[in-house]
């Protein structure tokens, strides 16, 4: 899908996860919700940051991400997308009149069900597929 102009969904990672925001896109307003599902040790320090990007092969074996984001997009009562995502900037997900791509997801242990400045980054892009 070329020619789409992606804008960043205004999540505030320092507010912690899960999180939901309303965001105008084109002529409509959409609700975006996100939470992280991670398999990490409970004793990790709060400032430990987990990169959810696909790690690629490790020692000849297929790498597995530490977790994923679950993203939901809705327009009023209608759910347009409910999907597990890992960062793959070239992969475009369709959600009704919208297109989404997850550029980056780095989640700090302290932001799992908690607020604070621990270093989390969520870069989810949204574009209008047609005007």
N, C-alpha and C. Protein backbone atom coordinates (compact mmCIF):
# COMPACT_ATOMS: atom_id res chain seq x y z
N UNK A 1 0.85 -1.18 0.00
CA UNK A 1 0.00 0.00 0.00
C UNK A 1 0.88 1.23 0.00
N UNK A 2 1.02 1.82 -1.12
CA UNK A 2 1.83 3.03 -1.21
C UNK A 2 0.91 4.24 -1.25
N UNK A 3 1.49 5.37 -0.97
CA UNK A 3 0.75 6.62 -1.02
C UNK A 3 -0.04 6.95 0.24
N UNK A 4 0.00 6.11 1.24
CA UNK A 4 -0.70 6.41 2.49
C UNK A 4 0.17 7.30 3.36
N UNK A 5 -0.46 8.26 4.01
CA UNK A 5 0.25 9.15 4.92
C UNK A 5 -0.11 8.76 6.36
N UNK A 6 0.86 8.15 7.05
CA UNK A 6 0.63 7.66 8.41
C UNK A 6 0.91 8.75 9.43
N UNK A 7 0.03 8.81 10.45
CA UNK A 7 0.20 9.71 11.58
C UNK A 7 0.30 8.85 12.84
N UNK A 8 1.01 9.35 13.81
CA UNK A 8 1.22 8.60 15.04
C UNK A 8 -0.02 8.65 15.93
N UNK A 9 -0.47 7.49 16.39
CA UNK A 9 -1.56 7.44 17.36
C UNK A 9 -1.00 7.98 18.68
N UNK A 10 -1.71 8.93 19.32
CA UNK A 10 -1.14 9.65 20.47
C UNK A 10 -1.17 8.89 21.80
N UNK A 11 -0.60 7.69 21.83
CA UNK A 11 -0.44 7.00 23.10
C UNK A 11 0.63 7.72 23.91
N UNK A 12 0.49 7.69 25.23
CA UNK A 12 1.48 8.27 26.14
C UNK A 12 2.03 7.12 26.98
N UNK A 13 3.14 6.50 26.55
CA UNK A 13 3.65 5.32 27.24
C UNK A 13 3.93 5.54 28.73
N UNK A 14 4.29 6.76 29.11
CA UNK A 14 4.55 7.03 30.53
C UNK A 14 3.30 6.88 31.39
N UNK A 15 2.11 6.89 30.76
CA UNK A 15 0.87 6.67 31.51
C UNK A 15 0.63 5.19 31.79
N UNK A 16 1.46 4.33 31.24
CA UNK A 16 1.36 2.90 31.48
C UNK A 16 0.39 2.20 30.56
N UNK A 17 0.38 0.89 30.67
CA UNK A 17 -0.50 0.05 29.86
C UNK A 17 -1.34 -0.81 30.80
N UNK A 18 -2.58 -1.11 30.46
CA UNK A 18 -3.27 -0.81 29.22
C UNK A 18 -3.61 0.67 29.11
N UNK A 19 -3.95 1.07 27.87
CA UNK A 19 -4.23 2.47 27.60
C UNK A 19 -5.20 2.57 26.43
N UNK A 20 -6.02 3.61 26.44
CA UNK A 20 -6.96 3.86 25.34
C UNK A 20 -6.99 5.35 25.05
N UNK A 21 -7.09 5.70 23.76
CA UNK A 21 -7.18 7.09 23.34
C UNK A 21 -8.19 7.19 22.21
N UNK A 22 -8.83 8.35 22.11
CA UNK A 22 -9.66 8.67 20.95
C UNK A 22 -8.85 9.57 20.05
N UNK A 23 -8.96 9.35 18.75
CA UNK A 23 -8.11 10.07 17.81
C UNK A 23 -8.89 10.36 16.53
N UNK A 24 -8.94 11.64 16.11
CA UNK A 24 -9.58 11.93 14.83
C UNK A 24 -8.68 11.49 13.67
N UNK A 25 -9.28 10.84 12.70
CA UNK A 25 -8.58 10.45 11.47
C UNK A 25 -9.54 10.77 10.33
N UNK A 26 -9.14 11.69 9.47
CA UNK A 26 -10.04 12.12 8.41
C UNK A 26 -11.28 12.74 9.00
N UNK A 27 -12.45 12.30 8.52
CA UNK A 27 -13.71 12.86 8.99
C UNK A 27 -14.26 12.15 10.23
N UNK A 28 -13.62 11.06 10.65
CA UNK A 28 -14.13 10.29 11.79
C UNK A 28 -13.23 10.35 13.00
N UNK A 29 -13.77 9.90 14.12
CA UNK A 29 -12.99 9.76 15.35
C UNK A 29 -13.04 8.29 15.74
N UNK A 30 -11.87 7.75 16.07
CA UNK A 30 -11.73 6.33 16.35
C UNK A 30 -11.13 6.14 17.73
N UNK A 31 -11.48 5.03 18.36
CA UNK A 31 -10.93 4.68 19.66
C UNK A 31 -9.86 3.61 19.46
N UNK A 32 -8.68 3.86 20.02
CA UNK A 32 -7.55 2.94 19.94
C UNK A 32 -7.23 2.47 21.36
N UNK A 33 -7.14 1.18 21.54
CA UNK A 33 -6.77 0.62 22.85
C UNK A 33 -5.59 -0.31 22.64
N UNK A 34 -4.71 -0.36 23.65
CA UNK A 34 -3.52 -1.20 23.55
C UNK A 34 -3.16 -1.75 24.92
N UNK A 35 -2.73 -2.99 24.93
CA UNK A 35 -2.09 -3.54 26.12
C UNK A 35 -0.97 -4.47 25.68
N UNK A 36 -0.06 -4.72 26.59
CA UNK A 36 1.10 -5.57 26.28
C UNK A 36 0.93 -6.92 26.94
N UNK A 37 1.26 -7.96 26.20
CA UNK A 37 1.30 -9.31 26.73
C UNK A 37 2.75 -9.78 26.64
N UNK A 38 3.40 -9.89 27.81
CA UNK A 38 4.83 -10.23 27.86
C UNK A 38 5.06 -11.40 28.80
N UNK A 39 6.04 -12.20 28.46
CA UNK A 39 6.47 -13.29 29.33
C UNK A 39 7.83 -12.89 29.89
N UNK A 40 7.80 -12.19 31.04
CA UNK A 40 9.04 -11.66 31.63
C UNK A 40 9.06 -11.96 33.13
N UNK A 41 10.25 -12.05 33.71
CA UNK A 41 10.36 -12.32 35.15
C UNK A 41 9.80 -11.17 35.99
N UNK A 42 9.01 -11.50 36.99
CA UNK A 42 8.43 -10.49 37.87
C UNK A 42 9.49 -9.70 38.63
N UNK A 43 10.66 -10.30 38.85
CA UNK A 43 11.71 -9.62 39.63
C UNK A 43 12.58 -8.69 38.79
N UNK A 44 12.33 -8.57 37.48
CA UNK A 44 13.10 -7.62 36.67
C UNK A 44 12.91 -6.20 37.21
N UNK A 45 13.96 -5.36 37.18
CA UNK A 45 13.82 -3.97 37.63
C UNK A 45 12.79 -3.22 36.79
N UNK A 46 12.18 -2.20 37.39
CA UNK A 46 11.14 -1.42 36.70
C UNK A 46 11.64 -0.76 35.43
N UNK A 47 12.94 -0.41 35.37
CA UNK A 47 13.46 0.26 34.18
C UNK A 47 13.98 -0.71 33.11
N UNK A 48 13.71 -2.01 33.27
CA UNK A 48 14.06 -2.99 32.23
C UNK A 48 13.11 -2.77 31.05
N UNK A 49 13.67 -2.56 29.86
CA UNK A 49 12.86 -2.30 28.67
C UNK A 49 12.93 -3.52 27.75
N UNK A 50 11.76 -3.97 27.32
CA UNK A 50 11.65 -5.13 26.44
C UNK A 50 11.29 -4.66 25.03
N UNK A 51 12.12 -4.98 24.06
CA UNK A 51 11.86 -4.64 22.67
C UNK A 51 11.02 -5.76 22.08
N UNK A 52 9.83 -5.43 21.57
CA UNK A 52 8.92 -6.44 21.05
C UNK A 52 9.17 -6.77 19.59
N UNK A 53 10.17 -6.14 18.97
CA UNK A 53 10.48 -6.43 17.57
C UNK A 53 10.93 -7.88 17.42
N UNK A 54 10.64 -8.45 16.27
CA UNK A 54 11.05 -9.82 15.98
C UNK A 54 12.55 -9.89 16.02
N UNK A 55 13.15 -10.77 16.83
CA UNK A 55 14.61 -10.77 16.99
C UNK A 55 15.39 -11.38 15.84
N UNK A 56 14.72 -12.06 14.91
CA UNK A 56 15.44 -12.72 13.83
C UNK A 56 16.07 -14.01 14.32
N UNK A 57 16.75 -14.73 13.42
CA UNK A 57 17.35 -16.00 13.81
C UNK A 57 18.46 -15.82 14.84
N UNK A 58 18.51 -16.72 15.81
CA UNK A 58 19.55 -16.72 16.83
C UNK A 58 20.20 -18.10 16.82
N UNK A 59 21.48 -18.15 16.50
CA UNK A 59 22.24 -19.41 16.46
C UNK A 59 21.52 -20.45 15.60
N UNK A 60 21.04 -20.02 14.43
CA UNK A 60 20.39 -20.94 13.51
C UNK A 60 18.97 -21.32 13.85
N UNK A 61 18.42 -20.76 14.93
CA UNK A 61 17.05 -21.06 15.33
C UNK A 61 16.17 -19.84 15.10
N UNK A 62 14.91 -20.07 14.91
CA UNK A 62 13.97 -18.97 14.72
C UNK A 62 13.82 -18.23 16.04
N UNK A 63 14.02 -16.90 16.00
CA UNK A 63 13.85 -16.09 17.20
C UNK A 63 12.38 -15.84 17.50
N UNK A 64 12.07 -15.69 18.76
CA UNK A 64 10.70 -15.45 19.18
C UNK A 64 10.68 -14.16 19.99
N UNK A 65 9.76 -13.22 19.66
CA UNK A 65 9.68 -11.99 20.45
C UNK A 65 9.29 -12.30 21.90
N UNK A 66 9.63 -11.38 22.80
CA UNK A 66 9.32 -11.56 24.23
C UNK A 66 7.83 -11.41 24.51
N UNK A 67 7.13 -10.83 23.57
CA UNK A 67 5.70 -10.61 23.75
C UNK A 67 5.14 -9.86 22.56
N UNK A 68 3.96 -9.29 22.76
CA UNK A 68 3.30 -8.56 21.68
C UNK A 68 2.37 -7.51 22.29
N UNK A 69 1.93 -6.60 21.44
CA UNK A 69 0.87 -5.67 21.82
C UNK A 69 -0.44 -6.22 21.29
N UNK A 70 -1.49 -6.03 22.03
CA UNK A 70 -2.83 -6.31 21.53
C UNK A 70 -3.45 -4.94 21.25
N UNK A 71 -3.85 -4.73 20.00
CA UNK A 71 -4.39 -3.44 19.58
C UNK A 71 -5.85 -3.63 19.16
N UNK A 72 -6.70 -2.74 19.67
CA UNK A 72 -8.11 -2.73 19.27
C UNK A 72 -8.44 -1.35 18.71
N UNK A 73 -9.11 -1.33 17.57
CA UNK A 73 -9.57 -0.08 16.96
C UNK A 73 -11.08 -0.20 16.80
N UNK A 74 -11.79 0.81 17.27
CA UNK A 74 -13.24 0.79 17.13
C UNK A 74 -13.76 2.15 16.71
N UNK A 75 -14.94 2.10 16.11
CA UNK A 75 -15.67 3.31 15.73
C UNK A 75 -17.05 3.16 16.36
N UNK A 76 -17.27 3.86 17.48
CA UNK A 76 -18.50 3.66 18.23
C UNK A 76 -18.54 2.23 18.74
N UNK A 77 -19.67 1.53 18.57
CA UNK A 77 -19.76 0.16 19.07
C UNK A 77 -19.12 -0.88 18.13
N UNK A 78 -18.69 -0.46 16.96
CA UNK A 78 -18.16 -1.39 15.95
C UNK A 78 -16.65 -1.57 16.09
N UNK A 79 -16.21 -2.80 16.32
CA UNK A 79 -14.77 -3.09 16.39
C UNK A 79 -14.25 -3.31 14.98
N UNK A 80 -13.27 -2.50 14.60
CA UNK A 80 -12.68 -2.59 13.26
C UNK A 80 -11.47 -3.50 13.21
N UNK A 81 -10.75 -3.61 14.33
CA UNK A 81 -9.55 -4.43 14.37
C UNK A 81 -9.30 -4.86 15.81
N UNK A 82 -8.96 -6.11 15.99
CA UNK A 82 -8.52 -6.64 17.28
C UNK A 82 -7.45 -7.66 16.95
N UNK A 83 -6.18 -7.31 17.22
CA UNK A 83 -5.08 -8.13 16.72
C UNK A 83 -3.85 -8.03 17.61
N UNK A 84 -3.10 -9.13 17.66
CA UNK A 84 -1.78 -9.14 18.29
C UNK A 84 -0.78 -8.59 17.28
N UNK A 85 0.07 -7.65 17.71
CA UNK A 85 1.05 -7.05 16.80
C UNK A 85 2.44 -7.05 17.42
N UNK A 86 3.43 -7.25 16.57
CA UNK A 86 4.82 -6.98 16.89
C UNK A 86 5.29 -5.98 15.84
N UNK A 87 6.31 -5.17 16.15
CA UNK A 87 6.75 -4.17 15.19
C UNK A 87 7.24 -4.79 13.88
N UNK A 88 6.57 -4.43 12.80
CA UNK A 88 6.96 -4.76 11.43
C UNK A 88 6.52 -3.59 10.59
N UNK A 89 7.36 -2.55 10.47
CA UNK A 89 6.94 -1.31 9.81
C UNK A 89 6.43 -1.49 8.38
N UNK A 90 6.88 -2.51 7.67
CA UNK A 90 6.45 -2.71 6.29
C UNK A 90 5.09 -3.41 6.19
N UNK A 91 4.61 -3.97 7.30
CA UNK A 91 3.35 -4.70 7.29
C UNK A 91 2.22 -3.75 7.65
N UNK A 92 1.23 -3.65 6.76
CA UNK A 92 0.09 -2.76 6.97
C UNK A 92 -1.13 -3.60 7.33
N UNK A 93 -1.79 -3.23 8.43
CA UNK A 93 -2.99 -3.91 8.90
C UNK A 93 -4.20 -3.05 8.53
N UNK A 94 -5.24 -3.68 7.99
CA UNK A 94 -6.43 -2.95 7.57
C UNK A 94 -7.49 -3.01 8.66
N UNK A 95 -8.12 -1.86 8.89
CA UNK A 95 -9.17 -1.74 9.90
C UNK A 95 -10.28 -0.86 9.33
N UNK A 96 -11.15 -1.44 8.53
CA UNK A 96 -12.20 -0.66 7.88
C UNK A 96 -11.58 0.41 7.00
N UNK A 97 -11.90 1.68 7.23
CA UNK A 97 -11.36 2.76 6.41
C UNK A 97 -9.93 3.16 6.79
N UNK A 98 -9.34 2.45 7.75
CA UNK A 98 -8.01 2.82 8.25
C UNK A 98 -6.98 1.77 7.88
N UNK A 99 -5.73 2.21 7.87
CA UNK A 99 -4.57 1.32 7.76
C UNK A 99 -3.67 1.62 8.95
N UNK A 100 -3.09 0.58 9.53
CA UNK A 100 -2.21 0.75 10.69
C UNK A 100 -0.90 0.02 10.45
N UNK A 101 0.16 0.55 11.06
CA UNK A 101 1.44 -0.12 11.06
C UNK A 101 2.14 0.15 12.39
N UNK A 102 2.72 -0.89 12.95
CA UNK A 102 3.44 -0.74 14.21
C UNK A 102 4.93 -0.62 13.91
N UNK A 103 5.46 0.58 14.11
CA UNK A 103 6.87 0.86 13.82
C UNK A 103 7.79 0.43 14.94
N UNK A 104 7.37 0.65 16.18
CA UNK A 104 8.25 0.38 17.31
C UNK A 104 7.40 0.11 18.55
N UNK A 105 7.83 -0.86 19.34
CA UNK A 105 7.19 -1.14 20.63
C UNK A 105 8.27 -1.61 21.59
N UNK A 106 8.63 -0.72 22.50
CA UNK A 106 9.57 -1.05 23.57
C UNK A 106 8.85 -0.74 24.88
N UNK A 107 8.64 -1.77 25.67
CA UNK A 107 7.81 -1.63 26.87
C UNK A 107 8.67 -1.85 28.11
N UNK A 108 8.64 -0.88 29.01
CA UNK A 108 9.38 -0.99 30.28
C UNK A 108 8.55 -1.78 31.28
N UNK A 109 9.23 -2.56 32.09
CA UNK A 109 8.56 -3.38 33.10
C UNK A 109 7.69 -2.51 34.01
N UNK A 110 8.16 -1.32 34.34
CA UNK A 110 7.41 -0.43 35.22
C UNK A 110 6.14 0.11 34.61
N UNK A 111 6.00 0.05 33.28
CA UNK A 111 4.80 0.54 32.63
C UNK A 111 3.76 -0.55 32.39
N UNK A 112 4.05 -1.77 32.80
CA UNK A 112 3.05 -2.83 32.75
C UNK A 112 2.12 -2.63 33.94
N UNK A 113 0.93 -2.13 33.68
CA UNK A 113 -0.06 -1.82 34.72
C UNK A 113 0.42 -0.74 35.69
N UNK A 114 1.31 0.14 35.23
CA UNK A 114 1.79 1.22 36.09
C UNK A 114 2.29 2.40 35.29
N UNK A 115 2.16 3.58 35.86
CA UNK A 115 2.62 4.80 35.20
C UNK A 115 4.00 5.18 35.70
N UNK A 116 4.69 5.97 34.90
CA UNK A 116 6.02 6.46 35.27
C UNK A 116 6.91 6.54 34.05
N UNK A 117 7.98 7.28 34.19
CA UNK A 117 8.92 7.46 33.08
C UNK A 117 10.01 6.39 33.19
N UNK A 118 9.78 5.27 32.50
CA UNK A 118 10.71 4.14 32.56
C UNK A 118 11.37 3.86 31.22
N UNK A 119 10.95 4.53 30.15
CA UNK A 119 11.58 4.34 28.85
C UNK A 119 10.75 3.63 27.81
N UNK A 120 9.46 3.46 28.04
CA UNK A 120 8.60 2.80 27.05
C UNK A 120 8.40 3.68 25.82
N UNK A 121 8.28 3.04 24.67
CA UNK A 121 8.02 3.73 23.40
C UNK A 121 7.00 2.90 22.62
N UNK A 122 5.93 3.54 22.16
CA UNK A 122 4.95 2.89 21.27
C UNK A 122 4.76 3.81 20.07
N UNK A 123 5.13 3.33 18.89
CA UNK A 123 4.93 4.10 17.66
C UNK A 123 4.01 3.31 16.73
N UNK A 124 2.72 3.60 16.87
CA UNK A 124 1.69 2.99 16.03
C UNK A 124 1.21 4.06 15.06
N UNK A 125 1.31 3.77 13.77
CA UNK A 125 0.88 4.73 12.76
C UNK A 125 -0.50 4.38 12.23
N UNK A 126 -1.29 5.42 11.92
CA UNK A 126 -2.62 5.23 11.35
C UNK A 126 -2.75 6.14 10.14
N UNK A 127 -3.41 5.62 9.11
CA UNK A 127 -3.66 6.38 7.89
C UNK A 127 -5.09 6.13 7.44
N UNK A 128 -5.62 7.10 6.73
CA UNK A 128 -6.93 6.95 6.12
C UNK A 128 -6.74 6.24 4.78
N UNK A 129 -7.46 5.13 4.56
CA UNK A 129 -7.30 4.38 3.31
C UNK A 129 -7.97 5.07 2.14
N UNK A 130 -9.06 5.71 2.39
CA UNK A 130 -9.75 6.47 1.35
C UNK A 130 -10.43 7.65 2.00
N UNK A 131 -10.60 8.71 1.23
CA UNK A 131 -11.20 9.94 1.77
C UNK A 131 -12.68 9.98 1.52
